[in-house]
């Protein structure tokens, strides 16, 4: 089995549960257009790029979606970013992986500037060698682009020992498109069927199981 040495981790739904802050921020944006929605309807926004989600789920034009993202950030940048909780056991897992010499990289579709603030808020930023995410203008919003960016910091030989772990199909597809192994985690916002259908090499049903896969390959 492979000895995973370079570990790319998703943020939302993998390390933390951001559902309250994200859904409240989306509600804030939708309210600007007289649209109301329940939290359960908005969980599907967690994972994919925000602009594309406004267009897909509410048929917003690209220009209107850009405006909606600005409204979203009015709430998220001040309050929503902190309406978040870290999954129990994550800090211990990160510390354990680093103590074994693993190199950790954050790979998220969330803007990198926000992702960094979340890591600092939960005192886990020091575990990561690189924090990679989208840009505020929406560029590098696809998970495959974020994964590609992280891998560009590694040699061809190091890539052979890399793996991506996340809770949505976008994480798995991003790994597959960049020809690295993938692990789907089931405690986030994607289903086991979604992860398996996307082609996840491994499935982890608990943080303990994820750590075991990452330590044993």
N, C-alpha and C. Protein backbone atom coordinates (compact mmCIF):
# COMPACT_ATOMS: atom_id res chain seq x y z
N UNK A 1 0.84 -1.20 0.00
CA UNK A 1 0.00 0.00 0.00
C UNK A 1 0.87 1.25 0.00
N UNK A 2 0.28 2.34 -0.47
CA UNK A 2 1.04 3.58 -0.52
C UNK A 2 1.28 4.14 0.88
N UNK A 3 2.37 4.84 1.01
CA UNK A 3 2.66 5.57 2.25
C UNK A 3 2.35 7.04 1.97
N UNK A 4 1.14 7.46 2.33
CA UNK A 4 0.75 8.83 2.05
C UNK A 4 1.58 9.81 2.88
N UNK A 5 2.32 10.66 2.21
CA UNK A 5 3.17 11.62 2.90
C UNK A 5 2.67 13.05 2.74
N UNK A 6 1.91 13.29 1.68
CA UNK A 6 1.44 14.65 1.36
C UNK A 6 -0.08 14.61 1.30
N UNK A 7 -0.71 15.23 2.28
CA UNK A 7 -2.14 15.05 2.51
C UNK A 7 -2.87 16.36 2.27
N UNK A 8 -3.77 16.36 1.29
CA UNK A 8 -4.60 17.51 0.99
C UNK A 8 -5.95 17.30 1.67
N UNK A 9 -6.38 18.29 2.44
CA UNK A 9 -7.63 18.19 3.19
C UNK A 9 -8.58 19.30 2.80
N UNK A 10 -9.82 18.94 2.57
CA UNK A 10 -10.89 19.90 2.39
C UNK A 10 -11.19 20.56 3.74
N UNK A 11 -11.89 21.68 3.71
CA UNK A 11 -12.22 22.38 4.96
C UNK A 11 -13.66 22.15 5.37
N UNK A 12 -14.61 22.75 4.62
CA UNK A 12 -16.02 22.69 4.98
C UNK A 12 -16.56 21.27 4.84
N UNK A 13 -17.07 20.74 5.95
CA UNK A 13 -17.63 19.40 5.92
C UNK A 13 -16.61 18.30 6.15
N UNK A 14 -15.35 18.68 6.24
CA UNK A 14 -14.28 17.70 6.49
C UNK A 14 -13.58 18.01 7.81
N UNK A 15 -13.15 19.24 7.96
CA UNK A 15 -12.52 19.66 9.23
C UNK A 15 -13.51 20.39 10.14
N UNK A 16 -14.39 21.18 9.53
CA UNK A 16 -15.34 21.95 10.32
C UNK A 16 -16.75 21.84 9.76
N UNK A 17 -17.73 22.15 10.61
CA UNK A 17 -19.13 22.21 10.19
C UNK A 17 -19.52 23.69 10.10
N UNK A 18 -19.54 24.24 8.88
CA UNK A 18 -19.80 25.67 8.68
C UNK A 18 -21.26 25.95 8.34
N UNK A 19 -22.15 24.97 8.54
CA UNK A 19 -23.49 25.06 7.97
C UNK A 19 -24.28 26.27 8.46
N UNK A 20 -24.16 26.59 9.74
CA UNK A 20 -24.93 27.72 10.26
C UNK A 20 -24.50 29.03 9.59
N UNK A 21 -23.20 29.26 9.54
CA UNK A 21 -22.71 30.51 8.98
C UNK A 21 -22.95 30.63 7.49
N UNK A 22 -22.75 29.54 6.75
CA UNK A 22 -22.96 29.59 5.30
C UNK A 22 -24.42 29.78 4.97
N UNK A 23 -25.31 29.01 5.61
CA UNK A 23 -26.72 29.14 5.29
C UNK A 23 -27.28 30.50 5.72
N UNK A 24 -26.82 31.02 6.84
CA UNK A 24 -27.26 32.36 7.25
C UNK A 24 -26.79 33.42 6.27
N UNK A 25 -25.60 33.24 5.73
CA UNK A 25 -25.06 34.19 4.76
C UNK A 25 -25.84 34.12 3.44
N UNK A 26 -26.22 32.90 3.04
CA UNK A 26 -27.02 32.75 1.83
C UNK A 26 -28.40 33.35 2.03
N UNK A 27 -28.99 33.11 3.19
CA UNK A 27 -30.29 33.71 3.49
C UNK A 27 -30.21 35.23 3.40
N UNK A 28 -29.14 35.81 3.93
CA UNK A 28 -28.94 37.25 3.88
C UNK A 28 -28.92 37.74 2.43
N UNK A 29 -28.22 37.00 1.57
CA UNK A 29 -28.16 37.37 0.15
C UNK A 29 -29.51 37.22 -0.52
N UNK A 30 -30.18 36.09 -0.29
CA UNK A 30 -31.46 35.85 -0.94
C UNK A 30 -32.54 36.84 -0.50
N UNK A 31 -32.44 37.27 0.75
CA UNK A 31 -33.41 38.24 1.25
C UNK A 31 -33.38 39.54 0.45
N UNK A 32 -32.22 39.85 -0.12
CA UNK A 32 -32.09 41.06 -0.93
C UNK A 32 -32.98 41.00 -2.18
N UNK A 33 -33.35 39.77 -2.57
CA UNK A 33 -34.18 39.57 -3.76
C UNK A 33 -35.58 39.11 -3.39
N UNK A 34 -35.92 39.21 -2.10
CA UNK A 34 -37.24 38.80 -1.66
C UNK A 34 -37.45 37.30 -1.67
N UNK A 35 -36.36 36.54 -1.58
CA UNK A 35 -36.43 35.08 -1.60
C UNK A 35 -36.17 34.55 -0.20
N UNK A 36 -37.03 33.66 0.27
CA UNK A 36 -36.82 33.03 1.57
C UNK A 36 -36.56 31.54 1.36
N UNK A 37 -35.79 30.95 2.25
CA UNK A 37 -35.46 29.53 2.13
C UNK A 37 -35.11 28.99 3.50
N UNK A 38 -35.37 27.71 3.70
CA UNK A 38 -35.02 27.03 4.94
C UNK A 38 -33.56 26.56 4.88
N UNK A 39 -32.97 26.40 6.06
CA UNK A 39 -31.58 25.95 6.13
C UNK A 39 -31.38 24.65 5.37
N UNK A 40 -32.33 23.72 5.50
CA UNK A 40 -32.18 22.42 4.85
C UNK A 40 -32.09 22.53 3.34
N UNK A 41 -32.71 23.56 2.78
CA UNK A 41 -32.66 23.76 1.33
C UNK A 41 -31.32 24.31 0.87
N UNK A 42 -30.57 24.89 1.78
CA UNK A 42 -29.36 25.62 1.41
C UNK A 42 -28.07 24.84 1.69
N UNK A 43 -28.18 23.67 2.30
CA UNK A 43 -26.97 22.89 2.59
C UNK A 43 -26.25 22.47 1.32
N UNK A 44 -26.99 22.39 0.20
CA UNK A 44 -26.37 21.99 -1.07
C UNK A 44 -25.38 23.04 -1.57
N UNK A 45 -25.42 24.24 -0.99
CA UNK A 45 -24.45 25.28 -1.36
C UNK A 45 -23.06 24.98 -0.81
N UNK A 46 -22.97 24.12 0.19
CA UNK A 46 -21.69 23.86 0.83
C UNK A 46 -20.88 22.89 -0.01
N UNK A 47 -19.76 23.35 -0.52
CA UNK A 47 -18.89 22.51 -1.34
C UNK A 47 -18.57 23.13 -2.68
N UNK A 48 -19.57 23.30 -3.55
CA UNK A 48 -19.27 23.84 -4.89
C UNK A 48 -19.04 25.34 -4.85
N UNK A 49 -18.49 25.92 -5.92
CA UNK A 49 -18.29 27.38 -5.98
C UNK A 49 -19.61 28.13 -5.80
N UNK A 50 -19.58 29.20 -5.05
CA UNK A 50 -20.78 29.92 -4.66
C UNK A 50 -21.51 30.54 -5.85
N UNK A 51 -20.77 31.17 -6.75
CA UNK A 51 -21.42 31.82 -7.90
C UNK A 51 -22.21 30.82 -8.72
N UNK A 52 -21.59 29.67 -9.00
CA UNK A 52 -22.25 28.65 -9.79
C UNK A 52 -23.50 28.12 -9.09
N UNK A 53 -23.46 28.05 -7.77
CA UNK A 53 -24.62 27.55 -7.03
C UNK A 53 -25.79 28.51 -7.13
N UNK A 54 -25.56 29.81 -7.04
CA UNK A 54 -26.65 30.78 -7.21
C UNK A 54 -27.26 30.66 -8.60
N UNK A 55 -26.43 30.42 -9.60
CA UNK A 55 -26.93 30.28 -10.96
C UNK A 55 -27.69 28.97 -11.14
N UNK A 56 -27.16 27.89 -10.55
CA UNK A 56 -27.79 26.58 -10.72
C UNK A 56 -29.09 26.46 -9.95
N UNK A 57 -29.10 26.88 -8.70
CA UNK A 57 -30.25 26.63 -7.84
C UNK A 57 -31.31 27.73 -7.89
N UNK A 58 -30.92 28.94 -8.30
CA UNK A 58 -31.89 30.04 -8.35
C UNK A 58 -31.94 30.73 -9.71
N UNK A 59 -31.29 30.12 -10.69
CA UNK A 59 -31.32 30.62 -12.07
C UNK A 59 -30.87 32.07 -12.18
N UNK A 60 -29.92 32.47 -11.33
CA UNK A 60 -29.37 33.82 -11.42
C UNK A 60 -28.49 33.93 -12.66
N UNK A 61 -28.49 35.09 -13.27
CA UNK A 61 -27.55 35.37 -14.35
C UNK A 61 -26.16 35.51 -13.75
N UNK A 62 -25.10 35.41 -14.56
CA UNK A 62 -23.75 35.60 -14.01
C UNK A 62 -23.60 36.92 -13.27
N UNK A 63 -24.19 37.99 -13.81
CA UNK A 63 -24.07 39.30 -13.15
C UNK A 63 -24.82 39.31 -11.83
N UNK A 64 -26.01 38.72 -11.80
CA UNK A 64 -26.80 38.68 -10.57
C UNK A 64 -26.13 37.78 -9.53
N UNK A 65 -25.52 36.68 -9.99
CA UNK A 65 -24.81 35.78 -9.08
C UNK A 65 -23.62 36.50 -8.44
N UNK A 66 -22.93 37.31 -9.22
CA UNK A 66 -21.80 38.08 -8.68
C UNK A 66 -22.28 39.04 -7.62
N UNK A 67 -23.41 39.68 -7.86
CA UNK A 67 -24.00 40.59 -6.88
C UNK A 67 -24.41 39.84 -5.62
N UNK A 68 -24.99 38.64 -5.81
CA UNK A 68 -25.42 37.83 -4.66
C UNK A 68 -24.24 37.42 -3.80
N UNK A 69 -23.11 37.11 -4.43
CA UNK A 69 -21.91 36.77 -3.68
C UNK A 69 -21.46 37.95 -2.82
N UNK A 70 -21.57 39.15 -3.36
CA UNK A 70 -21.21 40.35 -2.58
C UNK A 70 -22.12 40.49 -1.37
N UNK A 71 -23.41 40.25 -1.55
CA UNK A 71 -24.35 40.30 -0.42
C UNK A 71 -24.02 39.20 0.60
N UNK A 72 -23.71 38.02 0.09
CA UNK A 72 -23.32 36.90 0.96
C UNK A 72 -22.15 37.31 1.85
N UNK A 73 -21.16 37.95 1.25
CA UNK A 73 -19.96 38.31 1.99
C UNK A 73 -20.19 39.43 3.00
N UNK A 74 -21.24 40.24 2.79
CA UNK A 74 -21.58 41.26 3.78
C UNK A 74 -21.79 40.61 5.15
N UNK A 75 -22.48 39.48 5.15
CA UNK A 75 -22.78 38.78 6.39
C UNK A 75 -21.63 37.86 6.79
N UNK A 76 -21.15 37.09 5.81
CA UNK A 76 -20.17 36.05 6.12
C UNK A 76 -18.87 36.61 6.68
N UNK A 77 -18.36 37.69 6.09
CA UNK A 77 -17.05 38.21 6.48
C UNK A 77 -17.04 38.77 7.90
N UNK A 78 -18.21 39.15 8.39
CA UNK A 78 -18.29 39.74 9.73
C UNK A 78 -18.76 38.74 10.78
N UNK A 79 -19.79 37.97 10.44
CA UNK A 79 -20.42 37.09 11.43
C UNK A 79 -20.41 35.62 11.02
N UNK A 80 -20.80 35.35 9.78
CA UNK A 80 -20.98 33.97 9.34
C UNK A 80 -19.74 33.11 9.43
N UNK A 81 -18.59 33.71 9.21
CA UNK A 81 -17.34 32.95 9.24
C UNK A 81 -17.10 32.30 10.59
N UNK A 82 -17.64 32.93 11.65
CA UNK A 82 -17.42 32.40 13.00
C UNK A 82 -18.60 31.55 13.50
N UNK A 83 -19.67 31.46 12.71
CA UNK A 83 -20.78 30.56 13.03
C UNK A 83 -20.40 29.18 12.48
N UNK A 84 -19.48 28.58 13.13
CA UNK A 84 -18.76 27.42 12.61
C UNK A 84 -18.30 26.59 13.81
N UNK A 85 -18.14 25.32 13.62
CA UNK A 85 -17.62 24.47 14.70
C UNK A 85 -16.67 23.44 14.12
N UNK A 86 -15.63 23.13 14.85
CA UNK A 86 -14.67 22.12 14.40
C UNK A 86 -15.15 20.75 14.87
N UNK A 87 -15.02 19.76 14.00
CA UNK A 87 -15.47 18.42 14.38
C UNK A 87 -14.58 17.86 15.49
N UNK A 88 -15.18 17.27 16.51
CA UNK A 88 -14.40 16.68 17.60
C UNK A 88 -13.40 15.66 17.06
N UNK A 89 -12.17 15.78 17.52
CA UNK A 89 -11.13 14.85 17.10
C UNK A 89 -10.24 15.35 15.99
N UNK A 90 -10.64 16.41 15.32
CA UNK A 90 -9.84 16.94 14.20
C UNK A 90 -8.50 17.49 14.68
N UNK A 91 -8.45 18.33 15.72
CA UNK A 91 -7.13 18.84 16.15
C UNK A 91 -6.18 17.71 16.53
N UNK A 92 -6.70 16.71 17.21
CA UNK A 92 -5.87 15.58 17.62
C UNK A 92 -5.37 14.80 16.40
N UNK A 93 -6.23 14.64 15.38
CA UNK A 93 -5.81 13.95 14.17
C UNK A 93 -4.71 14.72 13.46
N UNK A 94 -4.88 16.03 13.33
CA UNK A 94 -3.87 16.85 12.65
C UNK A 94 -2.53 16.78 13.38
N UNK A 95 -2.60 16.86 14.70
CA UNK A 95 -1.36 16.78 15.49
C UNK A 95 -0.71 15.42 15.32
N UNK A 96 -1.51 14.37 15.30
CA UNK A 96 -0.97 13.03 15.15
C UNK A 96 -0.32 12.82 13.79
N UNK A 97 -0.95 13.34 12.74
CA UNK A 97 -0.39 13.20 11.40
C UNK A 97 0.94 13.95 11.28
N UNK A 98 0.98 15.16 11.81
CA UNK A 98 2.21 15.95 11.75
C UNK A 98 3.33 15.29 12.55
N UNK A 99 2.97 14.69 13.68
CA UNK A 99 3.98 14.04 14.52
C UNK A 99 4.60 12.83 13.81
N UNK A 100 3.89 12.30 12.82
CA UNK A 100 4.40 11.17 12.04
C UNK A 100 5.12 11.63 10.78
N UNK A 101 5.33 12.93 10.66
CA UNK A 101 6.07 13.46 9.53
C UNK A 101 5.26 13.72 8.28
N UNK A 102 3.93 13.67 8.38
CA UNK A 102 3.09 13.95 7.22
C UNK A 102 3.07 15.46 6.95
N UNK A 103 2.99 15.83 5.68
CA UNK A 103 2.86 17.23 5.28
C UNK A 103 1.40 17.48 4.92
N UNK A 104 0.80 18.49 5.55
CA UNK A 104 -0.62 18.77 5.37
C UNK A 104 -0.83 20.03 4.54
N UNK A 105 -1.83 19.97 3.66
CA UNK A 105 -2.18 21.09 2.79
C UNK A 105 -3.70 21.27 2.83
N UNK A 106 -4.15 22.49 2.99
CA UNK A 106 -5.58 22.75 2.92
C UNK A 106 -5.93 23.04 1.46
N UNK A 107 -6.96 22.35 0.97
CA UNK A 107 -7.41 22.54 -0.42
C UNK A 107 -8.92 22.74 -0.39
N UNK A 108 -9.37 23.99 -0.48
CA UNK A 108 -10.78 24.32 -0.34
C UNK A 108 -11.24 25.23 -1.47
N UNK A 109 -12.54 25.16 -1.78
CA UNK A 109 -13.12 26.08 -2.76
C UNK A 109 -13.47 27.41 -2.11
N UNK A 110 -13.43 27.47 -0.78
CA UNK A 110 -13.65 28.73 -0.07
C UNK A 110 -12.50 29.68 -0.38
N UNK A 111 -12.75 30.99 -0.47
CA UNK A 111 -11.64 31.93 -0.66
C UNK A 111 -10.53 31.69 0.37
N UNK A 112 -9.31 31.67 -0.11
CA UNK A 112 -8.18 31.35 0.76
C UNK A 112 -8.09 32.29 1.96
N UNK A 113 -8.45 33.56 1.75
CA UNK A 113 -8.37 34.52 2.85
C UNK A 113 -9.32 34.15 3.98
N UNK A 114 -10.51 33.64 3.64
CA UNK A 114 -11.46 33.20 4.67
C UNK A 114 -10.99 31.89 5.30
N UNK A 115 -10.49 30.99 4.48
CA UNK A 115 -10.02 29.69 4.99
C UNK A 115 -8.93 29.89 6.03
N UNK A 116 -8.01 30.81 5.75
CA UNK A 116 -6.94 31.09 6.71
C UNK A 116 -7.47 31.59 8.03
N UNK A 117 -8.50 32.43 7.95
CA UNK A 117 -9.10 32.97 9.19
C UNK A 117 -9.78 31.87 9.99
N UNK A 118 -10.41 30.93 9.30
CA UNK A 118 -11.06 29.80 9.99
C UNK A 118 -10.01 28.94 10.70
N UNK A 119 -8.92 28.65 10.02
CA UNK A 119 -7.86 27.84 10.64
C UNK A 119 -7.29 28.54 11.86
N UNK A 120 -7.08 29.85 11.76
CA UNK A 120 -6.56 30.61 12.90
C UNK A 120 -7.57 30.61 14.05
N UNK A 121 -8.85 30.75 13.72
CA UNK A 121 -9.90 30.78 14.73
C UNK A 121 -9.91 29.51 15.57
N UNK A 122 -9.65 28.37 14.93
CA UNK A 122 -9.67 27.09 15.63
C UNK A 122 -8.27 26.62 16.05
N UNK A 123 -7.28 27.51 15.89
CA UNK A 123 -5.91 27.23 16.33
C UNK A 123 -5.31 25.98 15.67
N UNK A 124 -5.60 25.81 14.38
CA UNK A 124 -5.03 24.66 13.66
C UNK A 124 -4.21 25.10 12.44
N UNK A 125 -4.00 26.38 12.28
CA UNK A 125 -3.27 26.87 11.10
C UNK A 125 -1.84 26.35 11.04
N UNK A 126 -1.22 26.16 12.19
CA UNK A 126 0.19 25.78 12.23
C UNK A 126 0.44 24.37 11.68
N UNK A 127 -0.60 23.59 11.54
CA UNK A 127 -0.42 22.23 11.03
C UNK A 127 -0.27 22.18 9.51
N UNK A 128 -0.59 23.27 8.83
CA UNK A 128 -0.64 23.25 7.36
C UNK A 128 0.55 23.97 6.73
N UNK A 129 1.16 23.28 5.77
CA UNK A 129 2.27 23.88 5.03
C UNK A 129 1.77 24.90 4.00
N UNK A 130 0.61 24.62 3.41
CA UNK A 130 0.03 25.49 2.39
C UNK A 130 -1.47 25.59 2.63
N UNK A 131 -2.02 26.79 2.51
CA UNK A 131 -3.46 26.99 2.55
C UNK A 131 -3.88 27.48 1.18
N UNK A 132 -4.57 26.63 0.44
CA UNK A 132 -4.97 26.95 -0.94
C UNK A 132 -6.49 27.01 -1.05
N UNK A 133 -6.98 28.03 -1.71
CA UNK A 133 -8.41 28.18 -1.94
C UNK A 133 -8.65 29.05 -3.15
N UNK A 134 -9.90 29.42 -3.34
CA UNK A 134 -10.23 30.27 -4.48
C UNK A 134 -9.79 31.71 -4.20
N UNK A 135 -9.80 32.51 -5.24
CA UNK A 135 -9.53 33.94 -5.11
C UNK A 135 -10.85 34.69 -4.94
N UNK A 136 -10.79 35.88 -4.39
CA UNK A 136 -12.00 36.65 -4.12
C UNK A 136 -12.75 37.02 -5.40
N UNK A 137 -12.06 37.06 -6.53
CA UNK A 137 -12.73 37.39 -7.80
C UNK A 137 -13.36 36.16 -8.44
N UNK A 138 -13.31 35.02 -7.76
CA UNK A 138 -13.94 33.81 -8.27
C UNK A 138 -13.02 32.91 -9.05
N UNK A 139 -11.83 33.39 -9.39
CA UNK A 139 -10.89 32.55 -10.11
C UNK A 139 -10.35 31.45 -9.20
N UNK A 140 -9.89 30.39 -9.80
CA UNK A 140 -9.43 29.18 -9.09
C UNK A 140 -10.52 28.65 -8.17
N UNK A 141 -11.76 28.71 -8.64
CA UNK A 141 -12.88 28.26 -7.84
C UNK A 141 -13.17 26.78 -7.92
N UNK A 142 -12.66 26.12 -8.94
CA UNK A 142 -12.88 24.68 -9.07
C UNK A 142 -11.92 23.91 -8.18
N UNK A 143 -12.41 22.86 -7.56
CA UNK A 143 -11.55 22.09 -6.67
C UNK A 143 -10.36 21.49 -7.43
N UNK A 144 -10.57 21.11 -8.67
CA UNK A 144 -9.47 20.57 -9.46
C UNK A 144 -8.35 21.58 -9.63
N UNK A 145 -8.70 22.87 -9.74
CA UNK A 145 -7.69 23.92 -9.88
C UNK A 145 -6.93 24.11 -8.57
N UNK A 146 -7.65 24.02 -7.46
CA UNK A 146 -7.01 24.17 -6.14
C UNK A 146 -6.05 23.00 -5.90
N UNK A 147 -6.49 21.80 -6.22
CA UNK A 147 -5.63 20.63 -6.06
C UNK A 147 -4.40 20.75 -6.95
N UNK A 148 -4.62 21.19 -8.19
CA UNK A 148 -3.50 21.36 -9.11
C UNK A 148 -2.49 22.37 -8.56
N UNK A 149 -2.99 23.44 -7.96
CA UNK A 149 -2.10 24.45 -7.38
C UNK A 149 -1.25 23.85 -6.25
N UNK A 150 -1.88 23.10 -5.37
CA UNK A 150 -1.14 22.49 -4.27
C UNK A 150 -0.07 21.54 -4.82
N UNK A 151 -0.46 20.73 -5.78
CA UNK A 151 0.48 19.75 -6.33
C UNK A 151 1.63 20.41 -7.07
N UNK A 152 1.42 21.64 -7.54
CA UNK A 152 2.50 22.35 -8.23
C UNK A 152 3.66 22.68 -7.30
N UNK A 153 3.40 22.60 -5.98
CA UNK A 153 4.46 22.85 -5.00
C UNK A 153 5.27 21.59 -4.71
N UNK A 154 4.85 20.45 -5.29
CA UNK A 154 5.50 19.16 -5.06
C UNK A 154 6.22 18.69 -6.31
N UNK A 155 7.18 17.82 -6.13
CA UNK A 155 7.86 17.20 -7.27
C UNK A 155 7.00 16.08 -7.82
N UNK A 156 7.34 15.60 -9.00
CA UNK A 156 6.60 14.48 -9.60
C UNK A 156 6.66 13.25 -8.71
N UNK A 157 7.79 13.03 -8.08
CA UNK A 157 7.94 11.87 -7.19
C UNK A 157 7.06 12.03 -5.95
N UNK A 158 7.00 13.24 -5.39
CA UNK A 158 6.18 13.48 -4.20
C UNK A 158 4.70 13.31 -4.48
N UNK A 159 4.28 13.66 -5.69
CA UNK A 159 2.86 13.53 -6.05
C UNK A 159 2.38 12.08 -5.96
N UNK A 160 3.30 11.15 -6.18
CA UNK A 160 2.93 9.74 -6.13
C UNK A 160 2.47 9.32 -4.73
N UNK A 161 2.85 10.09 -3.73
CA UNK A 161 2.51 9.77 -2.35
C UNK A 161 1.54 10.79 -1.76
N UNK A 162 0.72 11.39 -2.66
CA UNK A 162 -0.25 12.41 -2.25
C UNK A 162 -1.66 11.85 -2.27
N UNK A 163 -2.52 12.44 -1.46
CA UNK A 163 -3.92 12.00 -1.38
C UNK A 163 -4.79 13.20 -1.01
N UNK A 164 -6.02 13.20 -1.50
CA UNK A 164 -6.99 14.25 -1.20
C UNK A 164 -8.14 13.65 -0.42
N UNK A 165 -8.53 14.30 0.70
CA UNK A 165 -9.66 13.84 1.50
C UNK A 165 -10.71 14.93 1.59
N UNK A 166 -11.97 14.57 1.32
CA UNK A 166 -13.05 15.55 1.40
C UNK A 166 -14.41 14.88 1.43
N UNK A 167 -15.44 15.69 1.65
CA UNK A 167 -16.79 15.15 1.87
C UNK A 167 -17.72 15.25 0.67
N UNK A 168 -17.28 15.88 -0.43
CA UNK A 168 -18.16 16.04 -1.59
C UNK A 168 -17.51 15.47 -2.83
N UNK A 169 -18.34 15.24 -3.85
CA UNK A 169 -17.84 14.69 -5.11
C UNK A 169 -16.79 15.59 -5.74
N UNK A 170 -16.87 16.89 -5.47
CA UNK A 170 -15.91 17.84 -6.05
C UNK A 170 -14.49 17.55 -5.57
N UNK A 171 -14.36 17.10 -4.33
CA UNK A 171 -13.05 16.74 -3.78
C UNK A 171 -12.50 15.50 -4.49
N UNK A 172 -13.37 14.54 -4.69
CA UNK A 172 -12.95 13.29 -5.33
C UNK A 172 -12.61 13.53 -6.80
N UNK A 173 -13.47 14.28 -7.47
CA UNK A 173 -13.23 14.58 -8.88
C UNK A 173 -11.96 15.41 -9.06
N UNK A 174 -11.72 16.35 -8.13
CA UNK A 174 -10.51 17.16 -8.19
C UNK A 174 -9.26 16.32 -8.06
N UNK A 175 -9.32 15.32 -7.17
CA UNK A 175 -8.19 14.41 -7.02
C UNK A 175 -8.00 13.55 -8.26
N UNK A 176 -9.10 13.00 -8.76
CA UNK A 176 -9.01 12.11 -9.92
C UNK A 176 -8.48 12.84 -11.15
N UNK A 177 -8.92 14.07 -11.36
CA UNK A 177 -8.47 14.84 -12.51
C UNK A 177 -6.97 15.15 -12.44
N UNK A 178 -6.44 15.15 -11.21
CA UNK A 178 -5.01 15.41 -11.02
C UNK A 178 -4.22 14.13 -10.75
N UNK A 179 -4.90 12.99 -10.90
CA UNK A 179 -4.23 11.68 -10.85
C UNK A 179 -3.58 11.38 -9.50
N UNK A 180 -4.30 11.74 -8.42
CA UNK A 180 -3.86 11.33 -7.09
C UNK A 180 -4.99 10.56 -6.42
N UNK A 181 -4.66 9.83 -5.36
CA UNK A 181 -5.65 9.05 -4.64
C UNK A 181 -6.64 9.96 -3.91
N UNK A 182 -7.79 9.40 -3.57
CA UNK A 182 -8.82 10.20 -2.90
C UNK A 182 -9.49 9.41 -1.79
N UNK A 183 -9.94 10.14 -0.77
CA UNK A 183 -10.67 9.56 0.35
C UNK A 183 -11.95 10.37 0.53
N UNK A 184 -13.09 9.71 0.51
CA UNK A 184 -14.36 10.38 0.79
C UNK A 184 -14.71 10.21 2.25
N UNK A 185 -15.11 11.30 2.91
CA UNK A 185 -15.51 11.22 4.32
C UNK A 185 -17.01 11.44 4.41
N UNK A 186 -17.66 10.66 5.25
CA UNK A 186 -19.13 10.61 5.24
C UNK A 186 -19.79 11.45 6.32
N UNK A 187 -19.03 12.19 7.14
CA UNK A 187 -19.66 12.98 8.20
C UNK A 187 -19.99 14.42 7.75
N UNK A 188 -19.69 14.73 6.50
CA UNK A 188 -19.93 16.09 6.02
C UNK A 188 -21.26 16.23 5.30
N UNK A 189 -21.22 16.79 4.08
CA UNK A 189 -22.45 17.16 3.39
C UNK A 189 -22.71 16.36 2.12
N UNK A 190 -21.85 15.40 1.83
CA UNK A 190 -22.08 14.51 0.70
C UNK A 190 -22.48 13.13 1.21
N UNK A 191 -23.16 12.37 0.38
CA UNK A 191 -23.56 11.02 0.77
C UNK A 191 -22.50 10.01 0.37
N UNK A 192 -22.57 8.85 0.97
CA UNK A 192 -21.66 7.76 0.59
C UNK A 192 -21.82 7.44 -0.90
N UNK A 193 -23.07 7.40 -1.38
CA UNK A 193 -23.32 7.11 -2.79
C UNK A 193 -22.66 8.14 -3.69
N UNK A 194 -22.74 9.41 -3.29
CA UNK A 194 -22.11 10.48 -4.08
C UNK A 194 -20.61 10.27 -4.17
N UNK A 195 -20.01 9.94 -3.06
CA UNK A 195 -18.56 9.77 -3.01
C UNK A 195 -18.10 8.55 -3.79
N UNK A 196 -18.85 7.45 -3.65
CA UNK A 196 -18.51 6.23 -4.37
C UNK A 196 -18.68 6.45 -5.87
N UNK A 197 -19.78 7.11 -6.26
CA UNK A 197 -20.04 7.35 -7.68
C UNK A 197 -18.98 8.25 -8.30
N UNK A 198 -18.43 9.16 -7.48
CA UNK A 198 -17.39 10.06 -7.98
C UNK A 198 -16.06 9.35 -8.16
N UNK A 199 -15.93 8.16 -7.56
CA UNK A 199 -14.71 7.39 -7.74
C UNK A 199 -13.74 7.43 -6.58
N UNK A 200 -14.24 7.66 -5.36
CA UNK A 200 -13.34 7.68 -4.19
C UNK A 200 -12.64 6.33 -4.03
N UNK A 201 -11.34 6.38 -3.83
CA UNK A 201 -10.58 5.14 -3.64
C UNK A 201 -10.87 4.54 -2.27
N UNK A 202 -11.00 5.39 -1.26
CA UNK A 202 -11.29 4.96 0.11
C UNK A 202 -12.52 5.73 0.60
N UNK A 203 -13.23 5.16 1.55
CA UNK A 203 -14.32 5.84 2.26
C UNK A 203 -14.03 5.75 3.75
N UNK A 204 -14.12 6.90 4.44
CA UNK A 204 -13.92 6.94 5.89
C UNK A 204 -15.22 7.38 6.56
N UNK A 205 -15.70 6.58 7.50
CA UNK A 205 -16.94 6.88 8.20
C UNK A 205 -16.72 7.58 9.53
N UNK A 206 -15.46 7.75 9.91
CA UNK A 206 -15.15 8.45 11.16
C UNK A 206 -13.79 9.11 11.03
N UNK A 207 -13.54 10.05 11.90
CA UNK A 207 -12.24 10.73 11.89
C UNK A 207 -11.13 9.74 12.25
N UNK A 208 -11.43 8.81 13.16
CA UNK A 208 -10.45 7.78 13.49
C UNK A 208 -10.11 6.95 12.26
N UNK A 209 -11.13 6.61 11.47
CA UNK A 209 -10.90 5.80 10.28
C UNK A 209 -10.10 6.58 9.23
N UNK A 210 -10.39 7.88 9.10
CA UNK A 210 -9.62 8.72 8.17
C UNK A 210 -8.15 8.74 8.58
N UNK A 211 -7.90 8.95 9.86
CA UNK A 211 -6.51 8.99 10.34
C UNK A 211 -5.82 7.66 10.08
N UNK A 212 -6.53 6.57 10.28
CA UNK A 212 -5.94 5.25 10.06
C UNK A 212 -5.54 5.07 8.60
N UNK A 213 -6.41 5.49 7.68
CA UNK A 213 -6.09 5.38 6.25
C UNK A 213 -4.87 6.23 5.92
N UNK A 214 -4.83 7.44 6.46
CA UNK A 214 -3.74 8.36 6.15
C UNK A 214 -2.41 7.89 6.72
N UNK A 215 -2.47 7.16 7.81
CA UNK A 215 -1.23 6.67 8.43
C UNK A 215 -0.76 5.36 7.82
N UNK A 216 -1.68 4.58 7.29
CA UNK A 216 -1.30 3.28 6.76
C UNK A 216 -1.27 3.25 5.23
N UNK A 217 -1.92 4.26 4.58
CA UNK A 217 -1.99 4.26 3.13
C UNK A 217 -2.97 3.24 2.62
